[in-house]
């Protein structure tokens, strides 16, 4: 692990496209500003771990349904009672991130 010391308003570059700037330091908390392309997902570690776990569970669940075939006449179309609904993390896996835009 690389450990760097920075003061307020100083920046760290990661590659050519990601900037980490120390915005504020208060007691034992540091506020970090992150500039990254929209194609780079930015999450707090605990959110990232939760997304990975939900995706793992969803993949296992879909695997259990792999051989399921609905009765004739119930294939396709609108939602049917008893049909699986994907976990909330599916939205995040579809490209949403923990990022907030600020002015």
N, C-alpha and C. Protein backbone atom coordinates (compact mmCIF):
# COMPACT_ATOMS: atom_id res chain seq x y z
N UNK A 1 0.84 -1.18 0.00
CA UNK A 1 0.00 0.00 0.00
C UNK A 1 0.89 1.24 0.00
N UNK A 2 0.59 2.14 -0.89
CA UNK A 2 1.29 3.41 -0.95
C UNK A 2 0.63 4.38 0.03
N UNK A 3 1.41 5.03 0.87
CA UNK A 3 0.88 5.99 1.84
C UNK A 3 1.47 7.35 1.51
N UNK A 4 0.61 8.34 1.27
CA UNK A 4 1.04 9.69 0.93
C UNK A 4 0.52 10.68 1.96
N UNK A 5 1.28 11.72 2.22
CA UNK A 5 0.82 12.81 3.09
C UNK A 5 0.39 13.97 2.22
N UNK A 6 -0.76 14.55 2.52
CA UNK A 6 -1.28 15.69 1.77
C UNK A 6 -1.90 16.66 2.76
N UNK A 7 -1.90 17.92 2.40
CA UNK A 7 -2.56 18.94 3.19
C UNK A 7 -3.81 19.39 2.45
N UNK A 8 -4.63 20.20 3.13
CA UNK A 8 -5.86 20.70 2.52
C UNK A 8 -5.56 21.35 1.18
N UNK A 9 -6.43 21.11 0.20
CA UNK A 9 -6.34 21.65 -1.15
C UNK A 9 -5.22 21.05 -1.99
N UNK A 10 -4.56 20.02 -1.51
CA UNK A 10 -3.56 19.33 -2.32
C UNK A 10 -4.22 18.10 -2.98
N UNK A 11 -3.68 17.71 -4.12
CA UNK A 11 -4.31 16.68 -4.95
C UNK A 11 -3.37 15.52 -5.21
N UNK A 12 -3.95 14.35 -5.36
CA UNK A 12 -3.25 13.13 -5.75
C UNK A 12 -3.85 12.69 -7.08
N UNK A 13 -3.03 12.36 -8.05
CA UNK A 13 -3.49 11.85 -9.34
C UNK A 13 -3.38 10.33 -9.37
N UNK A 14 -4.42 9.68 -9.88
CA UNK A 14 -4.40 8.24 -10.11
C UNK A 14 -4.56 8.06 -11.61
N UNK A 15 -3.51 7.61 -12.26
CA UNK A 15 -3.53 7.54 -13.72
C UNK A 15 -3.63 8.95 -14.29
N UNK A 16 -4.22 9.07 -15.48
CA UNK A 16 -4.36 10.37 -16.12
C UNK A 16 -5.72 11.01 -15.86
N UNK A 17 -6.69 10.23 -15.34
CA UNK A 17 -8.06 10.70 -15.32
C UNK A 17 -8.69 10.87 -13.94
N UNK A 18 -8.07 10.38 -12.89
CA UNK A 18 -8.69 10.42 -11.56
C UNK A 18 -7.89 11.34 -10.64
N UNK A 19 -8.59 12.32 -10.07
CA UNK A 19 -7.98 13.27 -9.12
C UNK A 19 -8.63 13.12 -7.76
N UNK A 20 -7.81 12.99 -6.73
CA UNK A 20 -8.28 12.98 -5.34
C UNK A 20 -7.76 14.25 -4.68
N UNK A 21 -8.65 15.09 -4.18
CA UNK A 21 -8.26 16.35 -3.56
C UNK A 21 -8.70 16.35 -2.10
N UNK A 22 -7.80 16.73 -1.20
CA UNK A 22 -8.16 16.86 0.21
C UNK A 22 -8.95 18.16 0.34
N UNK A 23 -10.22 18.04 0.68
CA UNK A 23 -11.12 19.20 0.74
C UNK A 23 -11.12 19.81 2.13
N UNK A 24 -11.13 18.97 3.16
CA UNK A 24 -11.21 19.48 4.52
C UNK A 24 -10.66 18.45 5.50
N UNK A 25 -10.13 18.91 6.60
CA UNK A 25 -9.62 18.04 7.66
C UNK A 25 -10.18 18.58 8.97
N UNK A 26 -10.96 17.76 9.67
CA UNK A 26 -11.52 18.15 10.98
C UNK A 26 -11.35 16.99 11.94
N UNK A 27 -10.50 17.17 12.92
CA UNK A 27 -10.27 16.10 13.88
C UNK A 27 -9.75 14.86 13.19
N UNK A 28 -10.48 13.75 13.36
CA UNK A 28 -10.04 12.49 12.75
C UNK A 28 -10.77 12.19 11.44
N UNK A 29 -11.42 13.20 10.86
CA UNK A 29 -12.12 13.02 9.58
C UNK A 29 -11.47 13.84 8.49
N UNK A 30 -11.35 13.23 7.32
CA UNK A 30 -10.80 13.89 6.14
C UNK A 30 -11.88 13.84 5.06
N UNK A 31 -12.17 14.97 4.45
CA UNK A 31 -13.11 15.01 3.33
C UNK A 31 -12.29 15.02 2.05
N UNK A 32 -12.63 14.11 1.15
CA UNK A 32 -11.89 13.95 -0.10
C UNK A 32 -12.82 14.22 -1.27
N UNK A 33 -12.38 15.07 -2.19
CA UNK A 33 -13.11 15.29 -3.43
C UNK A 33 -12.52 14.40 -4.51
N UNK A 34 -13.39 13.79 -5.31
CA UNK A 34 -12.94 12.86 -6.35
C UNK A 34 -13.46 13.32 -7.69
N UNK A 35 -12.55 13.51 -8.65
CA UNK A 35 -12.92 13.79 -10.04
C UNK A 35 -12.51 12.57 -10.85
N UNK A 36 -13.50 11.95 -11.50
CA UNK A 36 -13.23 10.76 -12.30
C UNK A 36 -14.20 10.73 -13.46
N UNK A 37 -13.81 10.10 -14.57
CA UNK A 37 -14.74 9.97 -15.70
C UNK A 37 -16.00 9.20 -15.26
N UNK A 38 -17.11 9.46 -15.94
CA UNK A 38 -18.37 8.78 -15.62
C UNK A 38 -18.25 7.27 -15.79
N UNK A 39 -17.30 6.82 -16.57
CA UNK A 39 -17.13 5.38 -16.79
C UNK A 39 -16.44 4.68 -15.63
N UNK A 40 -15.91 5.46 -14.67
CA UNK A 40 -15.24 4.90 -13.50
C UNK A 40 -16.21 4.92 -12.33
N UNK A 41 -16.57 3.75 -11.81
CA UNK A 41 -17.46 3.66 -10.65
C UNK A 41 -16.69 4.07 -9.41
N UNK A 42 -17.29 4.93 -8.59
CA UNK A 42 -16.67 5.39 -7.35
C UNK A 42 -17.62 5.05 -6.21
N UNK A 43 -17.19 4.20 -5.29
CA UNK A 43 -18.01 3.77 -4.16
C UNK A 43 -17.19 3.80 -2.89
N UNK A 44 -17.87 4.01 -1.76
CA UNK A 44 -17.23 3.74 -0.47
C UNK A 44 -17.04 2.23 -0.39
N UNK A 45 -16.01 1.77 0.31
CA UNK A 45 -15.68 0.34 0.36
C UNK A 45 -16.85 -0.50 0.85
N UNK A 46 -17.57 -0.04 1.89
CA UNK A 46 -18.67 -0.84 2.43
C UNK A 46 -19.82 -0.95 1.41
N UNK A 47 -20.04 0.07 0.59
CA UNK A 47 -21.06 0.00 -0.45
C UNK A 47 -20.60 -0.96 -1.55
N UNK A 48 -19.35 -0.87 -1.94
CA UNK A 48 -18.79 -1.76 -2.95
C UNK A 48 -18.93 -3.22 -2.52
N UNK A 49 -18.59 -3.51 -1.26
CA UNK A 49 -18.70 -4.89 -0.75
C UNK A 49 -20.15 -5.36 -0.76
N UNK A 50 -21.10 -4.49 -0.41
CA UNK A 50 -22.51 -4.86 -0.40
C UNK A 50 -23.00 -5.15 -1.82
N UNK A 51 -22.58 -4.35 -2.78
CA UNK A 51 -22.97 -4.58 -4.18
C UNK A 51 -22.43 -5.92 -4.66
N UNK A 52 -21.17 -6.20 -4.36
CA UNK A 52 -20.58 -7.48 -4.79
C UNK A 52 -21.34 -8.66 -4.19
N UNK A 53 -21.70 -8.56 -2.90
CA UNK A 53 -22.41 -9.66 -2.24
C UNK A 53 -23.81 -9.85 -2.83
N UNK A 54 -24.53 -8.75 -3.06
CA UNK A 54 -25.86 -8.87 -3.67
C UNK A 54 -25.77 -9.44 -5.08
N UNK A 55 -24.76 -9.04 -5.83
CA UNK A 55 -24.58 -9.59 -7.18
C UNK A 55 -24.27 -11.08 -7.12
N UNK A 56 -23.46 -11.49 -6.14
CA UNK A 56 -23.16 -12.91 -5.98
C UNK A 56 -24.43 -13.70 -5.66
N UNK A 57 -25.25 -13.16 -4.76
CA UNK A 57 -26.50 -13.83 -4.40
C UNK A 57 -27.46 -13.88 -5.59
N UNK A 58 -27.54 -12.79 -6.33
CA UNK A 58 -28.43 -12.75 -7.50
C UNK A 58 -27.98 -13.76 -8.55
N UNK A 59 -26.68 -13.88 -8.76
CA UNK A 59 -26.17 -14.84 -9.74
C UNK A 59 -26.49 -16.27 -9.31
N UNK A 60 -26.36 -16.55 -8.01
CA UNK A 60 -26.68 -17.89 -7.51
C UNK A 60 -28.17 -18.16 -7.65
N UNK A 61 -29.00 -17.15 -7.40
CA UNK A 61 -30.44 -17.30 -7.50
C UNK A 61 -30.85 -17.55 -8.94
N UNK A 62 -30.28 -16.79 -9.88
CA UNK A 62 -30.58 -16.99 -11.29
C UNK A 62 -30.14 -18.38 -11.73
N UNK A 63 -29.03 -18.87 -11.16
CA UNK A 63 -28.56 -20.21 -11.49
C UNK A 63 -29.57 -21.27 -11.08
N UNK A 64 -30.25 -21.06 -9.95
CA UNK A 64 -31.27 -22.00 -9.49
C UNK A 64 -32.47 -21.99 -10.43
N UNK A 65 -32.74 -20.86 -11.06
CA UNK A 65 -33.89 -20.75 -11.96
C UNK A 65 -33.55 -21.15 -13.39
N UNK A 66 -32.30 -21.47 -13.65
CA UNK A 66 -31.86 -21.76 -15.00
C UNK A 66 -32.67 -22.83 -15.70
N UNK A 67 -33.15 -23.85 -14.98
CA UNK A 67 -33.90 -24.92 -15.62
C UNK A 67 -35.41 -24.71 -15.50
N UNK A 68 -35.83 -23.62 -14.86
CA UNK A 68 -37.26 -23.36 -14.67
C UNK A 68 -37.90 -22.96 -15.99
N UNK A 69 -39.01 -23.58 -16.31
CA UNK A 69 -39.79 -23.20 -17.48
C UNK A 69 -41.22 -23.01 -17.01
N UNK A 70 -41.78 -21.81 -17.23
CA UNK A 70 -43.16 -21.59 -16.80
C UNK A 70 -44.11 -22.45 -17.61
N UNK A 71 -45.29 -22.75 -17.06
CA UNK A 71 -46.28 -23.54 -17.79
C UNK A 71 -46.65 -22.87 -19.11
N UNK A 72 -47.07 -23.65 -20.09
CA UNK A 72 -47.47 -23.11 -21.38
C UNK A 72 -48.56 -22.06 -21.18
N UNK A 73 -48.49 -20.99 -21.95
CA UNK A 73 -49.46 -19.92 -21.84
C UNK A 73 -49.05 -18.84 -20.85
N UNK A 74 -48.01 -19.08 -20.06
CA UNK A 74 -47.54 -18.08 -19.10
C UNK A 74 -46.15 -17.57 -19.45
N UNK A 75 -45.64 -17.91 -20.61
CA UNK A 75 -44.30 -17.47 -20.98
C UNK A 75 -44.34 -16.06 -21.53
N UNK A 76 -43.35 -15.26 -21.16
CA UNK A 76 -43.22 -13.89 -21.67
C UNK A 76 -44.33 -13.01 -21.12
N UNK A 77 -44.45 -11.83 -21.70
CA UNK A 77 -45.51 -10.92 -21.29
C UNK A 77 -45.19 -10.18 -20.01
N UNK A 78 -46.24 -9.76 -19.33
CA UNK A 78 -46.09 -8.93 -18.14
C UNK A 78 -45.72 -9.75 -16.92
N UNK A 79 -45.47 -9.04 -15.81
CA UNK A 79 -45.10 -9.70 -14.55
C UNK A 79 -46.16 -10.71 -14.14
N UNK A 80 -45.71 -11.84 -13.68
CA UNK A 80 -46.61 -12.89 -13.24
C UNK A 80 -46.38 -13.16 -11.76
N UNK A 81 -47.42 -13.47 -11.00
CA UNK A 81 -47.23 -13.81 -9.59
C UNK A 81 -46.23 -14.94 -9.45
N UNK A 82 -45.34 -14.80 -8.48
CA UNK A 82 -44.34 -15.82 -8.24
C UNK A 82 -43.09 -15.68 -9.08
N UNK A 83 -43.09 -14.71 -9.98
CA UNK A 83 -41.91 -14.49 -10.84
C UNK A 83 -40.83 -13.78 -10.04
N UNK A 84 -39.58 -14.15 -10.25
CA UNK A 84 -38.46 -13.58 -9.49
C UNK A 84 -38.28 -12.10 -9.79
N UNK A 85 -37.95 -11.34 -8.76
CA UNK A 85 -37.64 -9.92 -8.90
C UNK A 85 -36.18 -9.76 -8.48
N UNK A 86 -35.39 -9.05 -9.29
CA UNK A 86 -33.97 -8.90 -8.99
C UNK A 86 -33.75 -8.04 -7.76
N UNK A 87 -32.64 -8.24 -7.02
CA UNK A 87 -32.33 -7.45 -5.84
C UNK A 87 -32.08 -5.98 -6.19
N UNK A 88 -32.12 -5.14 -5.15
CA UNK A 88 -31.94 -3.70 -5.33
C UNK A 88 -30.59 -3.37 -5.94
N UNK A 89 -29.59 -4.19 -5.71
CA UNK A 89 -28.25 -3.89 -6.23
C UNK A 89 -28.19 -3.97 -7.75
N UNK A 90 -29.23 -4.54 -8.37
CA UNK A 90 -29.24 -4.64 -9.83
C UNK A 90 -29.15 -3.25 -10.46
N UNK A 91 -29.81 -2.25 -9.83
CA UNK A 91 -29.74 -0.88 -10.34
C UNK A 91 -28.30 -0.38 -10.29
N UNK A 92 -27.62 -0.65 -9.18
CA UNK A 92 -26.24 -0.19 -9.04
C UNK A 92 -25.34 -0.92 -10.03
N UNK A 93 -25.59 -2.22 -10.22
CA UNK A 93 -24.77 -2.99 -11.15
C UNK A 93 -24.98 -2.51 -12.58
N UNK A 94 -26.11 -1.86 -12.84
CA UNK A 94 -26.41 -1.37 -14.18
C UNK A 94 -25.71 -0.06 -14.48
N UNK A 95 -24.86 0.40 -13.57
CA UNK A 95 -24.06 1.57 -13.88
C UNK A 95 -24.23 2.74 -12.95
N UNK A 96 -25.14 2.66 -11.99
CA UNK A 96 -25.27 3.75 -11.04
C UNK A 96 -24.16 3.61 -10.01
N UNK A 97 -23.68 4.73 -9.50
CA UNK A 97 -22.60 4.66 -8.52
C UNK A 97 -22.96 5.45 -7.28
N UNK A 98 -22.06 5.49 -6.34
CA UNK A 98 -22.24 6.18 -5.08
C UNK A 98 -21.88 7.65 -5.23
N UNK A 99 -21.74 8.12 -6.43
CA UNK A 99 -21.23 9.45 -6.75
C UNK A 99 -22.35 10.49 -6.64
N UNK A 100 -22.02 11.67 -6.12
CA UNK A 100 -22.93 12.79 -6.09
C UNK A 100 -22.27 13.94 -6.83
N UNK A 101 -23.02 14.60 -7.68
CA UNK A 101 -22.49 15.74 -8.42
C UNK A 101 -22.63 16.99 -7.56
N UNK A 102 -21.61 17.83 -7.55
CA UNK A 102 -21.68 19.09 -6.83
C UNK A 102 -21.28 20.21 -7.77
N UNK A 103 -21.76 21.40 -7.43
CA UNK A 103 -21.46 22.55 -8.30
C UNK A 103 -20.09 23.11 -8.00
